[in-house]
Structures are given as structure tokens and as C-alpha cells.
Amino acid sequence: MQDFIIVTGIVIKQSPIGESDRRVTILTNSRGKISAFARGARKPNSRFSATTCPFCFGSFKLYEGRDAYNIADADIKNYFEEFRNNLDASFYASYFAEIADYYCRENNDERDMMKLFYQSLRALCAPSLPNGLVRAVYELKSIVINGEYPGAPRDIRLSDSALYTLEFIRQSPIESLYSFNVTESVLEEIKSVSKLYCKRYMEHHFKSLEILETG
């Protein structure tokens, strides 16, 4: 009898396998970052065609294979269809997915990163929040969650508002993280700190970042 597990997760990456299959990377609440095969997902009428696209969030029914899990079923709660009509936001979402892929590990407690990724995708869909602010918050909070955030830089002069915002990002629960907005000048300060810390702590080449910075 086949043993199944059910995980809550969000697809952060996909790639084609063979003629009709798809391999996905899912960031889960209970097993960290996992790989799973979706058999026949690239066939036009496959029930896995839509459910294994990047950013799909929901429950995945899995069984273990030799090298990875296999998807038996999926119940998707949010497809983030907004990104289909918003190319700029979709680039940010892809960049966020790369950061999640960079930081997260298999069989590790990645609940905070999964929650941050999901809430950040929702923030990208909110017209009231600038994408640049969402990006800076996501970058900084990722560094916080992974234990690398050193506090506000002491060698850069920052306004009181920027210092307050940095502390808010550091200590706020993820559910409350995108409950604020800032002036353009404060945003530029926050972005400068985020850029500095990303360069210092994320020693990785992110392909989506090239598109964002040259687009």
C-alpha cells in the first residue's frame, strides 16, 4: 500500500523532465524545500498542468520516489494569477523565489521563510505598496530570519524614520510586515541598506535580479 504525506507549500521553481513530466521545487511548512515530480504535467489536459506552476500555494499529496517525491494530488488555494497581467510584479516574484531557493534547505524548519515568501507575493499584488518597498522588506527580513542581520549600519547616516523602519522590519511578525508605507526619501534609505546587506550576506548570482535592474 502506497504511503502518502500531505504538506502545505508553495512552488518556487519548475523545470521540464523528459517529454511530458515536470520537476518542481516546493517550499513546505513541515519538510523545508523539497523536490517532486509531476507525471504528465506538461500534457495539455493534465490536472497537474496548472497546479505545478511557480507561485501556486496549497496542499500537496505526495509519495516518496527513489530520488524525489511524486505528486499524487494538489489542492491549490492561490494561483497568484495577478502576475500573468503584471510583468513587473512577476519579475519581483521570480527574484523572491530565487532568494527562497538560495536560503532554504530540505528537512529544515523553513516555516518563516515560506510565510514570508507567501506574504510578500500578496504584497506585490497590493496596488498601495511600491514594489521597491516590498523587495527591500523581503530582502531584509530574509536576512533576519536566517540569523545574519547585524542591525542598522553604523557607518551610514540614516534618518530617524529610516532607523525606525529598519527596526520595525527586524522585530515585526511576518503577518504584520506589510502594514506600512514610507516616503520616497525613506524608501531610498531602506533600499540602500538592503542593497548593502544583500551584497554582504547573499553571495549568489540571481538571474531575476538582472532583469529587474536592467528592465
Protein backbone atom coordinates (compact mmCIF):
# COMPACT_ATOMS: atom_id res chain seq x y z
CA MET A 1 0.00 0.00 0.00
CA GLN A 2 1.32 3.41 -1.01
CA ASP A 3 2.15 5.74 1.89
CA PHE A 4 1.20 9.38 1.32
CA ILE A 5 2.08 12.60 3.09
CA ILE A 6 0.27 15.92 2.78
CA VAL A 7 2.22 19.17 3.02
CA THR A 8 1.28 22.81 2.74
CA GLY A 9 3.64 24.59 0.41
CA ILE A 10 4.32 26.93 -2.45
CA VAL A 11 6.06 26.17 -5.74
CA ILE A 12 9.26 28.18 -6.11
CA LYS A 13 10.75 26.52 -9.20
CA GLN A 14 9.85 24.20 -12.06
CA SER A 15 11.74 22.51 -14.89
CA PRO A 16 10.78 20.13 -17.73
CA ILE A 17 11.69 16.46 -17.43
CA GLY A 18 11.55 14.11 -20.41
CA GLU A 19 8.76 14.58 -22.93
CA SER A 20 5.83 15.34 -20.64
CA ASP A 21 6.85 15.45 -16.97
CA ARG A 22 7.75 18.35 -14.74
CA ARG A 23 10.04 18.61 -11.72
CA VAL A 24 9.11 21.23 -9.16
CA THR A 25 10.70 22.63 -6.04
CA ILE A 26 8.17 23.22 -3.27
CA LEU A 27 8.85 25.24 -0.13
CA THR A 28 6.82 23.46 2.55
CA ASN A 29 5.73 24.14 6.10
CA SER A 30 6.93 20.83 7.53
CA ARG A 31 9.75 19.44 5.35
CA GLY A 32 11.58 22.53 4.18
CA LYS A 33 12.46 22.70 0.50
CA ILE A 34 11.64 19.52 -1.40
CA SER A 35 11.74 18.30 -4.99
CA ALA A 36 8.80 16.50 -6.53
CA PHE A 37 7.89 15.03 -9.92
CA ALA A 38 4.54 15.70 -11.56
CA ARG A 39 3.99 12.94 -14.11
CA GLY A 40 2.47 14.16 -17.36
CA ALA A 41 2.22 17.75 -16.09
CA ARG A 42 3.23 19.19 -19.46
CA LYS A 43 0.45 17.45 -21.34
CA PRO A 44 -2.31 19.88 -22.41
CA ASN A 45 -5.09 18.24 -20.40
CA SER A 46 -3.06 17.24 -17.35
CA ARG A 47 -4.60 18.03 -13.97
CA PHE A 48 -1.09 18.98 -12.82
CA SER A 49 -0.51 21.48 -15.61
CA ALA A 50 -1.71 24.49 -13.63
CA THR A 51 -1.10 23.22 -10.11
CA THR A 52 2.68 22.91 -10.56
CA CYS A 53 3.32 26.42 -11.93
CA PRO A 54 5.53 28.79 -9.93
CA PHE A 55 3.83 30.56 -7.00
CA CYS A 56 0.99 28.01 -6.66
CA PHE A 57 0.17 27.77 -2.95
CA GLY A 58 -1.86 24.99 -1.35
CA SER A 59 -1.77 21.39 -0.17
CA PHE A 60 0.23 18.74 -1.99
CA LYS A 61 -0.32 14.99 -1.59
CA LEU A 62 2.99 13.22 -2.11
CA TYR A 63 4.56 9.80 -2.07
CA GLU A 64 8.26 9.03 -1.95
CA GLY A 65 10.19 8.00 -5.02
CA ARG A 66 13.81 6.98 -5.44
CA ASP A 67 15.33 10.44 -5.75
CA ALA A 68 12.40 12.76 -5.02
CA TYR A 69 8.75 12.86 -4.09
CA ASN A 70 5.97 12.31 -6.60
CA ILE A 71 2.82 14.42 -6.63
CA ALA A 72 -0.36 12.36 -6.34
CA ASP A 73 -2.75 15.28 -5.93
CA ALA A 74 -2.84 19.01 -5.20
CA ASP A 75 -5.40 21.40 -3.75
CA ILE A 76 -4.33 24.91 -4.74
CA LYS A 77 -5.64 27.82 -2.64
CA ASN A 78 -3.92 30.64 -4.51
CA TYR A 79 -2.53 30.59 -8.05
CA PHE A 80 -1.40 34.24 -7.94
CA GLU A 81 -2.95 34.80 -11.34
CA GLU A 82 -2.31 38.54 -10.91
CA PHE A 83 1.26 38.01 -12.08
CA ARG A 84 0.07 36.94 -15.54
CA ASN A 85 -1.06 40.51 -16.24
CA ASN A 86 1.64 42.31 -14.29
CA LEU A 87 5.04 41.58 -15.79
CA ASP A 88 6.93 43.86 -13.42
CA ALA A 89 5.47 42.17 -10.33
CA SER A 90 6.17 38.73 -11.83
CA PHE A 91 9.87 39.61 -12.12
CA TYR A 92 9.94 40.60 -8.45
CA ALA A 93 8.15 37.35 -7.56
CA SER A 94 10.73 35.32 -9.50
CA TYR A 95 13.53 37.12 -7.69
CA PHE A 96 11.90 36.38 -4.33
CA ALA A 97 11.64 32.72 -5.33
CA GLU A 98 15.37 32.64 -6.10
CA ILE A 99 16.16 34.03 -2.64
CA ALA A 100 13.91 31.40 -1.04
CA ASP A 101 15.66 28.71 -3.07
CA TYR A 102 19.06 30.09 -2.03
CA TYR A 103 18.35 30.14 1.70
CA CYS A 104 16.09 27.14 2.27
CA ARG A 105 17.17 23.54 2.82
CA GLU A 106 15.48 20.14 2.76
CA ASN A 107 14.19 18.77 6.09
CA ASN A 108 14.82 22.13 7.73
CA ASP A 109 12.29 24.30 9.56
CA GLU A 110 11.51 26.82 6.84
CA ARG A 111 8.06 27.90 8.06
CA ASP A 112 9.11 31.51 8.48
CA MET A 113 10.65 31.70 5.00
CA MET A 114 7.57 30.08 3.46
CA LYS A 115 5.31 32.50 5.30
CA LEU A 116 7.50 35.47 4.29
CA PHE A 117 7.54 34.40 0.65
CA TYR A 118 3.76 33.96 0.57
CA GLN A 119 3.02 37.27 2.31
CA SER A 120 5.49 39.06 0.04
CA LEU A 121 3.75 37.72 -3.07
CA ARG A 122 0.47 39.02 -1.66
CA ALA A 123 2.12 42.39 -1.03
CA LEU A 124 3.24 42.56 -4.66
CA CYS A 125 -0.44 42.27 -5.61
CA ALA A 126 -1.38 45.25 -3.40
CA PRO A 127 -1.56 48.46 -5.50
CA SER A 128 -0.89 50.63 -2.43
CA LEU A 129 2.58 49.16 -1.82
CA PRO A 130 5.51 50.07 -4.11
CA ASN A 131 7.32 47.01 -5.44
CA GLY A 132 10.62 48.56 -4.39
CA LEU A 133 9.47 48.67 -0.77
CA VAL A 134 8.22 45.07 -0.89
CA ARG A 135 11.56 44.00 -2.32
CA ALA A 136 13.59 45.78 0.38
CA VAL A 137 11.41 44.37 3.17
CA TYR A 138 11.63 40.85 1.74
CA GLU A 139 15.42 41.03 1.36
CA LEU A 140 15.99 42.41 4.86
CA LYS A 141 13.55 40.06 6.59
CA SER A 142 15.13 37.07 4.79
CA ILE A 143 18.47 38.10 6.25
CA VAL A 144 16.86 38.49 9.69
CA ILE A 145 15.18 35.05 9.56
CA ASN A 146 18.45 33.39 8.61
CA GLY A 147 20.31 34.97 11.52
CA GLU A 148 22.61 37.27 9.57
CA TYR A 149 21.08 40.69 10.19
CA PRO A 150 23.58 42.86 12.15
CA GLY A 151 21.23 45.73 12.94
CA ALA A 152 21.21 49.17 11.36
CA PRO A 153 24.57 50.07 9.79
CA ARG A 154 26.64 52.43 11.89
CA ASP A 155 28.73 53.78 9.04
CA ILE A 156 25.77 55.22 7.14
CA ARG A 157 23.85 58.28 8.32
CA LEU A 158 20.15 57.43 8.36
CA SER A 159 17.10 59.44 9.30
CA ASP A 160 15.13 58.59 12.43
CA SER A 161 12.28 57.39 10.21
CA ALA A 162 14.60 55.01 8.35
CA LEU A 163 16.02 53.66 11.61
CA TYR A 164 12.50 53.13 12.95
CA THR A 165 11.52 51.32 9.74
CA LEU A 166 14.53 49.02 9.89
CA GLU A 167 13.72 48.11 13.48
CA PHE A 168 10.09 47.52 12.55
CA ILE A 169 11.17 45.12 9.79
CA ARG A 170 13.52 43.32 12.16
CA GLN A 171 11.10 42.72 15.04
CA SER A 172 7.64 42.61 13.44
CA PRO A 173 5.77 39.33 12.97
CA ILE A 174 5.59 38.37 9.31
CA GLU A 175 1.80 38.75 9.27
CA SER A 176 2.20 42.48 10.13
CA LEU A 177 5.23 43.14 7.98
CA TYR A 178 3.47 44.88 5.09
CA SER A 179 1.18 47.08 7.16
CA PHE A 180 3.07 50.32 6.50
CA ASN A 181 4.30 52.64 3.79
CA VAL A 182 7.08 55.23 3.76
CA THR A 183 8.03 58.43 1.98
CA GLU A 184 10.17 58.27 -1.14
CA SER A 185 13.23 59.58 0.72
CA VAL A 186 12.93 56.96 3.49
CA LEU A 187 12.39 54.25 0.90
CA GLU A 188 15.66 55.20 -0.78
CA GLU A 189 17.45 54.91 2.57
CA ILE A 190 15.94 51.48 3.25
CA LYS A 191 16.81 50.31 -0.25
CA SER A 192 20.43 51.42 0.20
CA VAL A 193 20.74 49.40 3.41
CA SER A 194 19.11 46.38 1.79
CA LYS A 195 21.45 46.58 -1.20
CA LEU A 196 24.46 46.79 1.11
CA TYR A 197 23.41 43.77 3.18
CA CYS A 198 22.41 41.67 0.18
CA LYS A 199 25.85 42.18 -1.28
CA ARG A 200 27.44 41.30 2.05
CA TYR A 201 25.34 38.28 3.04
CA MET A 202 23.92 36.80 -0.18
CA GLU A 203 26.95 35.66 -2.15
CA HIS A 204 24.96 34.46 -5.11
CA HIS A 205 24.13 35.50 -8.67
CA PHE A 206 20.37 35.89 -9.02
CA LYS A 207 19.25 35.75 -12.66
CA SER A 208 15.95 37.54 -11.99
CA LEU A 209 17.81 40.43 -10.41
CA GLU A 210 19.49 41.17 -13.73
CA ILE A 211 16.09 41.61 -15.34
CA LEU A 212 14.89 43.87 -12.53
CA GLU A 213 17.94 46.12 -12.61
CA THR A 214 18.21 46.37 -16.39
CA GLY A 215 14.49 46.48 -17.19
